[in-house]
Amino acid sequence: MSGARLQCAFGALLAAWLLTGGAARAQPSAERYPLQTIRLPAGFRINLFAGGAVNPRQMALGAKGTLFVGTLRAGAVYAVVDRDRDGVADDGMVLLSGLVAPNGVAVREGALYVADAWRILRYDDIERDLEHPPKPVVVYEGYPHDAHHGWKFIGFGPDGFLYVPVGAPCNVCERDPPYASITRLKPDGTGLEVFARGVRNSVGFDWDPNTRELWFTDNGRDRLGDDLPSDELNHAPKAGMHFGFPYCHAKGLADPQFGKGQDCSEYTPGEIDLGPHVAALGMRFYTGETFPEEYRGQIFIAEHGSWDRSKPIGYRLAVARPAETGARRLETFAEGWLGPNGKAWGRPVDLLVAPDGALLVSDDTAGAIYRITYGGK
């Protein structure tokens, strides 16, 4: 299916095309993507950057402006282009297909890296000809094959290494690394090492642009009730830290099964509690210059939303203000994907700061990518 086209949304009444079939869907975008329900701080606005995608997840931007988008269930990687730079995508295609949960995408030196379940693939000079992508180079294929938490978020750190989390293959269990860890390896696939341990399932991370230190979200375990434990925002300034799983969760909550005999003070606690079962996924430091000063350098987090809570929560974008700013707190930035009836029409997954300072947001349920901008009060 490489090269199959999608019709991106150009206005409130233009129909979107599904990537996986090319069949037109005649729903007006205002009905399919009711963005008028999204509540933002004063001065901000949200628009539909691209619609009609199937299960869009992690995003990465090429040097020539191509937005690469991974998927979890579609087995595809998309390429989306805004040629006239007007904030609405002009074209999109299924760039790669037939993959296994290719959630993670990253770009380095013109090459697209894709996390295809148990392996890392590289597509060199990817933007040279999007219609005819090159054959992949297998960078590394030694990751576990487990489907449970087997999809990966990937990214290149300031040290030049590719960081790849490996989730626990369970709700809660005791397994040796690379399970429940964040690994890193050189761009050529050599030098694999475990950077952080005790990480149940991280599907989002970024580096502080000032300190160059790693921050990441981590999903807490299930089946301890509605309110325990909290998802976490964690800080890993150096290699070798252990964040507690499966023995301790959040800020020192001992696991009822694996925490017996454990001293939770021996593990690194979460920096900020994100809420129980909110499914915190993508996170990015805001490095643009168009948002107000109070948002610059802060962490934006996509909360995919709870699935096992009697009253759903999450389904929003949050802003975390770490301790360096003088306050360790969490604020709601955008909400409205979850309706008052407890049903969600969309679920944010990943975020990306565009070169013009806009914040791009992927939504794997609505099949959309949104663009959030600030226009002043």
Protein backbone atom coordinates (compact mmCIF):
# COMPACT_ATOMS: atom_id res chain seq x y z
CA MET A 1 0.00 0.00 0.00
CA SER A 2 3.05 2.30 -0.13
CA GLY A 3 2.13 5.52 -1.92
CA ALA A 4 -1.64 5.29 -1.27
CA ARG A 5 -3.07 8.78 -0.93
CA LEU A 6 -5.19 10.37 1.73
CA GLN A 7 -7.29 13.45 1.30
CA CYS A 8 -6.46 15.84 4.14
CA ALA A 9 -9.03 18.21 5.60
CA PHE A 10 -9.09 21.70 4.07
CA GLY A 11 -12.23 23.13 5.62
CA ALA A 12 -15.19 22.46 7.85
CA LEU A 13 -17.22 20.75 5.12
CA LEU A 14 -14.54 18.79 3.25
CA ALA A 15 -14.69 15.01 3.53
CA ALA A 16 -11.66 13.00 4.69
CA TRP A 17 -10.29 9.87 3.06
CA LEU A 18 -9.25 6.78 4.97
CA LEU A 19 -5.60 5.86 4.50
CA THR A 20 -6.22 2.14 4.50
CA GLY A 21 -8.82 1.99 1.79
CA GLY A 22 -8.98 5.26 -0.10
CA ALA A 23 -12.76 5.29 0.38
CA ALA A 24 -14.28 8.72 0.89
CA ARG A 25 -16.17 9.40 4.09
CA ALA A 26 -18.80 12.04 3.58
CA GLN A 27 -19.02 13.28 7.15
CA PRO A 28 -18.44 17.04 7.48
CA SER A 29 -15.31 17.62 9.54
CA ALA A 30 -17.28 19.71 12.07
CA GLU A 31 -19.22 16.55 12.94
CA ARG A 32 -16.36 14.11 12.78
CA TYR A 33 -13.95 16.47 14.57
CA PRO A 34 -16.03 18.69 16.88
CA LEU A 35 -13.15 20.97 17.82
CA GLN A 36 -15.60 23.57 19.11
CA THR A 37 -15.84 21.39 22.23
CA ILE A 38 -12.13 21.76 23.04
CA ARG A 39 -11.45 24.23 25.83
CA LEU A 40 -8.10 26.09 25.79
CA PRO A 41 -6.60 29.00 27.71
CA ALA A 42 -7.47 32.47 26.40
CA GLY A 43 -5.72 33.37 23.18
CA PHE A 44 -5.16 29.80 21.98
CA ARG A 45 -6.96 28.12 19.09
CA ILE A 46 -7.03 24.59 17.69
CA ASN A 47 -7.57 23.55 14.08
CA LEU A 48 -7.51 20.33 12.10
CA PHE A 49 -4.08 19.91 10.52
CA ALA A 50 -4.87 16.53 8.90
CA GLY A 51 -7.79 14.14 9.10
CA GLY A 52 -8.76 10.72 7.84
CA ALA A 53 -5.76 8.87 9.21
CA VAL A 54 -6.12 5.46 10.83
CA ASN A 55 -4.63 5.26 14.34
CA PRO A 56 -1.98 8.05 14.14
CA ARG A 57 0.46 7.86 17.05
CA GLN A 58 4.06 9.13 17.45
CA MET A 59 5.22 11.97 15.19
CA ALA A 60 8.63 13.05 13.90
CA LEU A 61 9.57 15.88 11.57
CA GLY A 62 11.97 15.58 8.63
CA ALA A 63 14.45 18.30 7.65
CA LYS A 64 12.38 19.14 4.55
CA GLY A 65 9.17 19.50 6.54
CA THR A 66 7.63 16.04 6.12
CA LEU A 67 5.67 14.92 9.16
CA PHE A 68 6.17 11.19 9.73
CA VAL A 69 3.48 9.49 11.80
CA GLY A 70 3.65 5.99 13.27
CA THR A 71 0.69 3.76 14.09
CA LEU A 72 -0.08 0.97 16.52
CA ARG A 73 -2.86 -1.00 14.85
CA ALA A 74 -2.68 0.07 11.20
CA GLY A 75 0.79 -1.41 10.62
CA ALA A 76 1.71 1.70 8.67
CA VAL A 77 3.82 4.84 8.78
CA TYR A 78 2.35 7.96 7.17
CA ALA A 79 4.01 10.94 5.52
CA VAL A 80 2.08 14.22 5.74
CA VAL A 81 3.12 17.42 3.96
CA ASP A 82 2.07 21.05 4.34
CA ARG A 83 3.72 22.49 1.22
CA ASP A 84 2.38 26.04 1.48
CA ARG A 85 2.99 26.21 5.25
CA ASP A 86 -0.51 27.49 5.94
CA GLY A 87 -1.12 25.25 8.94
CA VAL A 88 -3.28 22.72 7.08
CA ALA A 89 -1.79 19.63 5.44
CA ASP A 90 -1.89 19.58 1.64
CA ASP A 91 -1.12 15.92 1.10
CA GLY A 92 -0.52 12.64 2.87
CA MET A 93 0.26 9.06 2.03
CA VAL A 94 0.86 5.64 3.47
CA LEU A 95 4.63 5.72 3.28
CA LEU A 96 5.26 2.25 4.73
CA SER A 97 2.91 -0.67 5.34
CA GLY A 98 2.93 -4.29 6.50
CA LEU A 99 4.78 -3.50 9.73
CA VAL A 100 4.06 -4.76 13.27
CA ALA A 101 2.91 -2.01 15.65
CA PRO A 102 5.25 0.68 14.23
CA ASN A 103 4.34 3.20 16.92
CA GLY A 104 7.78 4.80 17.21
CA VAL A 105 9.37 7.06 14.60
CA ALA A 106 12.47 9.27 14.74
CA VAL A 107 14.59 11.16 12.21
CA ARG A 108 18.37 11.53 12.20
CA GLU A 109 20.65 12.80 9.44
CA GLY A 110 17.97 12.36 6.80
CA ALA A 111 17.10 8.79 7.81
CA LEU A 112 13.78 7.65 9.24
CA TYR A 113 14.03 5.19 12.14
CA VAL A 114 10.98 3.02 12.86
CA ALA A 115 10.35 0.83 15.92
CA ASP A 116 8.72 -2.26 14.40
CA ALA A 117 7.80 -4.27 17.53
CA TRP A 118 10.99 -6.25 18.31
CA ARG A 119 13.33 -4.45 15.90
CA ILE A 120 14.52 -1.04 14.76
CA LEU A 121 14.47 -0.29 11.03
CA ARG A 122 16.21 2.58 9.20
CA TYR A 123 15.12 4.14 5.89
CA ASP A 124 17.96 6.25 4.51
CA ASP A 125 17.46 9.57 2.70
CA ILE A 126 13.74 9.16 3.31
CA GLU A 127 12.60 12.53 1.96
CA ARG A 128 14.35 12.14 -1.41
CA ASP A 129 11.34 10.37 -2.93
CA LEU A 130 8.36 9.74 -0.69
CA GLU A 131 6.55 7.91 -3.47
CA HIS A 132 9.31 5.29 -3.59
CA PRO A 133 10.78 4.81 -0.10
CA PRO A 134 14.06 2.86 0.14
CA LYS A 135 14.34 -0.67 1.43
CA PRO A 136 14.85 -0.80 5.18
CA VAL A 137 18.12 -1.46 6.94
CA VAL A 138 17.73 -3.59 10.06
CA VAL A 139 19.50 -1.65 12.79
CA TYR A 140 18.67 -3.98 15.69
CA GLU A 141 16.32 -6.95 16.06
CA GLY A 142 16.94 -8.28 19.55
CA TYR A 143 14.04 -6.75 21.47
CA PRO A 144 11.38 -9.05 22.99
CA HIS A 145 8.49 -10.16 20.78
CA ASP A 146 5.79 -9.71 23.47
CA ALA A 147 2.62 -7.98 22.30
CA HIS A 148 1.71 -6.78 25.83
CA HIS A 149 3.28 -3.29 26.08
CA GLY A 150 5.39 -4.30 23.08
CA TRP A 151 4.96 -1.10 21.06
CA LYS A 152 7.64 1.56 21.47
CA PHE A 153 8.16 5.31 21.55
CA ILE A 154 11.66 6.21 20.31
CA GLY A 155 13.85 9.29 20.13
CA PHE A 156 17.45 10.43 19.75
CA GLY A 157 18.98 12.02 22.81
CA PRO A 158 21.49 14.87 22.98
CA ASP A 159 24.18 12.19 23.36
CA GLY A 160 23.40 10.82 19.89
CA PHE A 161 21.98 7.54 21.20
CA LEU A 162 18.57 6.18 20.19
CA TYR A 163 16.41 5.67 23.29
CA VAL A 164 13.96 2.76 23.18
CA PRO A 165 11.69 1.76 26.10
CA VAL A 166 10.72 -1.88 26.64
CA GLY A 167 7.48 -2.24 28.58
CA ALA A 168 6.69 -4.92 31.15
CA PRO A 169 4.95 -7.87 29.39
CA CYS A 170 2.14 -7.83 31.97
CA ASN A 171 0.07 -5.67 34.27
CA VAL A 172 2.55 -6.28 37.07
CA CYS A 173 5.29 -8.91 37.20
CA GLU A 174 8.95 -9.31 38.07
CA ARG A 175 11.09 -9.69 34.95
CA ASP A 176 14.73 -8.95 34.23
CA PRO A 177 15.79 -6.16 31.87
CA PRO A 178 15.39 -5.25 29.12
CA TYR A 179 11.77 -5.59 30.31
CA ALA A 180 10.45 -2.60 32.29
CA SER A 181 13.31 -0.36 31.23
CA ILE A 182 14.47 2.37 28.90
CA THR A 183 17.34 1.20 26.74
CA ARG A 184 19.63 3.12 24.46
CA LEU A 185 21.86 2.14 21.56
CA LYS A 186 24.05 3.77 18.96
CA PRO A 187 22.48 4.76 15.60
CA ASP A 188 24.10 1.72 13.96
CA GLY A 189 22.48 -0.64 16.49
CA THR A 190 25.58 -1.38 18.55
CA GLY A 191 26.28 -0.64 22.20
CA LEU A 192 22.85 -1.53 23.60
CA GLU A 193 22.54 -0.76 27.31
CA VAL A 194 19.84 -0.26 29.90
CA PHE A 195 19.62 3.42 30.80
CA ALA A 196 16.78 3.30 33.37
CA ARG A 197 15.12 0.40 35.20
CA GLY A 198 11.84 -0.08 37.03
CA VAL A 199 9.84 1.64 34.28
CA ARG A 200 6.54 -0.18 33.72
CA ASN A 201 5.65 1.26 30.32
CA SER A 202 6.87 4.60 29.03
CA VAL A 203 5.31 5.81 25.77
CA GLY A 204 6.69 9.34 25.85
CA PHE A 205 9.89 11.16 26.77
CA ASP A 206 11.94 14.26 25.99
CA TRP A 207 15.07 16.07 27.10
CA ASP A 208 15.19 19.37 28.94
CA PRO A 209 16.62 21.81 26.37
CA ASN A 210 18.69 23.53 29.06
CA THR A 211 20.01 20.68 31.21
CA ARG A 212 19.81 18.00 28.45
CA GLU A 213 18.40 15.59 31.04
CA LEU A 214 15.75 12.97 30.29
CA TRP A 215 12.14 13.25 31.47
CA PHE A 216 9.52 10.59 30.72
CA THR A 217 5.95 9.53 31.41
CA ASP A 218 5.21 6.12 32.89
CA ASN A 219 1.87 4.31 33.07
CA GLY A 220 0.97 2.95 36.51
CA ARG A 221 -0.28 -0.59 37.06
CA ASP A 222 -3.96 -1.52 36.85
CA ARG A 223 -6.40 -3.34 39.16
CA LEU A 224 -5.72 -1.50 42.41
CA GLY A 225 -8.98 0.41 42.20
CA ASP A 226 -10.03 3.72 40.70
CA ASP A 227 -7.54 5.92 42.51
CA LEU A 228 -4.30 3.91 42.77
CA PRO A 229 -1.62 4.22 41.61
CA SER A 230 -0.98 7.48 39.81
CA ASP A 231 0.74 7.67 36.44
CA GLU A 232 4.08 9.40 36.73
CA LEU A 233 6.24 12.10 35.24
CA ASN A 234 9.81 11.00 35.95
CA HIS A 235 13.23 12.63 35.77
CA ALA A 236 16.37 10.64 34.90
CA PRO A 237 19.40 12.96 34.96
CA LYS A 238 21.82 10.03 34.73
CA ALA A 239 22.02 6.39 33.74
CA GLY A 240 21.44 3.56 36.21
CA MET A 241 18.43 4.88 38.13
CA HIS A 242 15.64 2.52 39.25
CA PHE A 243 12.08 3.88 39.33
CA GLY A 244 10.51 1.17 41.46
CA PHE A 245 8.41 -1.12 39.27
CA PRO A 246 7.15 -3.70 40.18
CA TYR A 247 7.97 -3.13 43.86
CA CYS A 248 6.88 0.48 44.34
CA HIS A 249 4.71 2.89 42.36
CA ALA A 250 4.39 6.67 42.02
CA LYS A 251 5.73 8.36 45.16
CA GLY A 252 6.37 5.37 47.37
CA LEU A 253 3.26 3.18 47.13
CA ALA A 254 4.34 -0.40 47.87
CA ASP A 255 2.85 -3.00 45.55
CA PRO A 256 0.59 -5.41 47.49
CA GLN A 257 2.26 -8.42 45.85
CA PHE A 258 5.81 -7.46 44.95
CA GLY A 259 6.40 -4.69 47.47
CA LYS A 260 6.59 -6.90 50.54
CA GLY A 261 9.95 -6.49 52.23
CA GLN A 262 10.88 -3.59 49.97
CA ASP A 263 11.94 -0.12 51.13
CA CYS A 264 10.39 2.29 48.63
CA SER A 265 12.85 5.00 49.66
CA GLU A 266 15.53 3.01 47.83
CA TYR A 267 13.88 3.73 44.48
CA THR A 268 13.49 6.99 42.59
CA PRO A 269 9.93 8.35 43.05
CA GLY A 270 7.97 10.15 40.39
CA GLU A 271 8.50 13.89 40.12
CA ILE A 272 4.84 14.73 39.51
CA ASP A 273 1.74 12.56 39.94
CA LEU A 274 -0.31 12.73 36.74
CA GLY A 275 -3.46 11.03 38.04
CA PRO A 276 -4.63 7.42 38.34
CA HIS A 277 -5.03 5.57 35.03
CA VAL A 278 -4.94 8.72 32.87
CA ALA A 279 -2.66 6.84 30.41
CA ALA A 280 -0.05 9.58 30.06
CA LEU A 281 1.70 9.06 26.73
CA GLY A 282 3.58 11.62 24.63
CA MET A 283 5.34 14.53 26.32
CA ARG A 284 7.44 17.39 24.97
CA PHE A 285 9.19 20.43 26.34
CA TYR A 286 7.81 23.50 24.63
CA THR A 287 10.79 24.92 22.74
CA GLY A 288 8.92 27.34 20.46
CA GLU A 289 8.68 31.11 20.78
CA THR A 290 5.05 31.85 19.90
CA PHE A 291 3.35 30.66 23.10
CA PRO A 292 3.29 33.07 26.06
CA GLU A 293 6.36 33.11 28.28
CA GLU A 294 4.67 31.11 31.03
CA TYR A 295 4.53 28.05 28.73
CA ARG A 296 8.07 28.19 27.34
CA GLY A 297 10.31 25.44 28.62
CA GLN A 298 7.37 23.67 30.28
CA ILE A 299 6.30 20.07 29.63
CA PHE A 300 3.16 19.35 27.61
CA ILE A 301 1.69 15.88 28.18
CA ALA A 302 -0.92 13.94 26.20
CA GLU A 303 -3.25 11.97 28.46
CA HIS A 304 -4.82 9.22 26.35
CA GLY A 305 -7.51 8.58 28.97
CA SER A 306 -8.50 5.83 31.39
CA TRP A 307 -10.04 2.55 30.27
CA ASP A 308 -10.43 0.75 33.60
CA ARG A 309 -11.90 3.43 35.85
CA SER A 310 -15.57 3.64 36.91
CA LYS A 311 -15.45 7.38 36.10
CA PRO A 312 -13.20 8.11 33.09
CA ILE A 313 -10.48 10.76 33.45
CA GLY A 314 -7.69 12.03 31.23
CA TYR A 315 -8.51 12.59 27.55
CA ARG A 316 -6.75 15.94 27.70
CA LEU A 317 -3.48 17.84 27.36
CA ALA A 318 -1.75 18.84 30.56
CA VAL A 319 1.15 21.18 31.36
CA ALA A 320 3.67 20.06 33.97
CA ARG A 321 5.78 22.67 35.68
CA PRO A 322 8.82 20.91 37.17
CA ALA A 323 10.64 21.94 40.33
CA GLU A 324 13.17 24.07 38.44
CA THR A 325 10.46 26.65 37.84
CA GLY A 326 9.81 27.01 41.53
CA ALA A 327 6.68 24.88 41.61
CA ARG A 328 6.03 21.19 41.08
CA ARG A 329 2.50 21.18 39.71
CA LEU A 330 0.22 19.99 36.93
CA GLU A 331 -2.37 22.08 35.06
CA THR A 332 -5.00 21.29 32.45
CA PHE A 333 -4.19 22.92 29.10
CA ALA A 334 -6.77 21.47 26.68
CA GLU A 335 -9.83 19.35 27.37
CA GLY A 336 -13.12 18.44 25.75
CA TRP A 337 -12.37 15.15 24.00
CA LEU A 338 -14.29 13.47 26.85
CA GLY A 339 -17.95 14.40 26.77
CA PRO A 340 -20.21 15.02 29.80
CA ASN A 341 -21.76 11.59 29.14
CA GLY A 342 -18.42 9.93 29.88
CA LYS A 343 -17.84 9.00 26.24
CA ALA A 344 -14.80 10.23 24.32
CA TRP A 345 -14.76 11.21 20.65
CA GLY A 346 -10.97 11.56 20.65
CA ARG A 347 -7.85 10.52 22.59
CA PRO A 348 -4.59 12.53 22.41
CA VAL A 349 -1.44 10.44 21.94
CA ASP A 350 1.64 12.47 21.01
CA LEU A 351 2.77 16.07 20.72
CA LEU A 352 5.36 17.81 18.58
CA VAL A 353 6.54 21.42 18.53
CA ALA A 354 6.53 22.62 14.92
CA PRO A 355 9.20 25.01 13.58
CA ASP A 356 6.68 27.88 13.65
CA GLY A 357 5.98 27.31 17.35
CA ALA A 358 2.63 25.55 16.89
CA LEU A 359 1.92 22.42 18.90
CA LEU A 360 0.88 19.38 16.83
CA VAL A 361 -1.23 16.73 18.56
CA SER A 362 -2.03 13.25 17.24
CA ASP A 363 -5.32 11.52 18.07
CA ASP A 364 -5.49 7.79 17.35
CA THR A 365 -9.24 7.51 18.02
CA ALA A 366 -10.51 10.41 15.90
CA GLY A 367 -7.83 9.67 13.28
CA ALA A 368 -6.57 13.24 13.27
CA ILE A 369 -3.64 15.55 13.82
CA TYR A 370 -4.48 18.90 15.38
CA ARG A 371 -2.53 22.16 15.41
CA ILE A 372 -2.66 24.46 18.43
CA THR A 373 -1.51 28.07 18.03
CA TYR A 374 -1.51 31.24 20.07
CA GLY A 375 -2.93 34.41 18.57
CA GLY A 376 -2.82 36.72 21.54
CA LYS A 377 -5.65 37.92 23.69
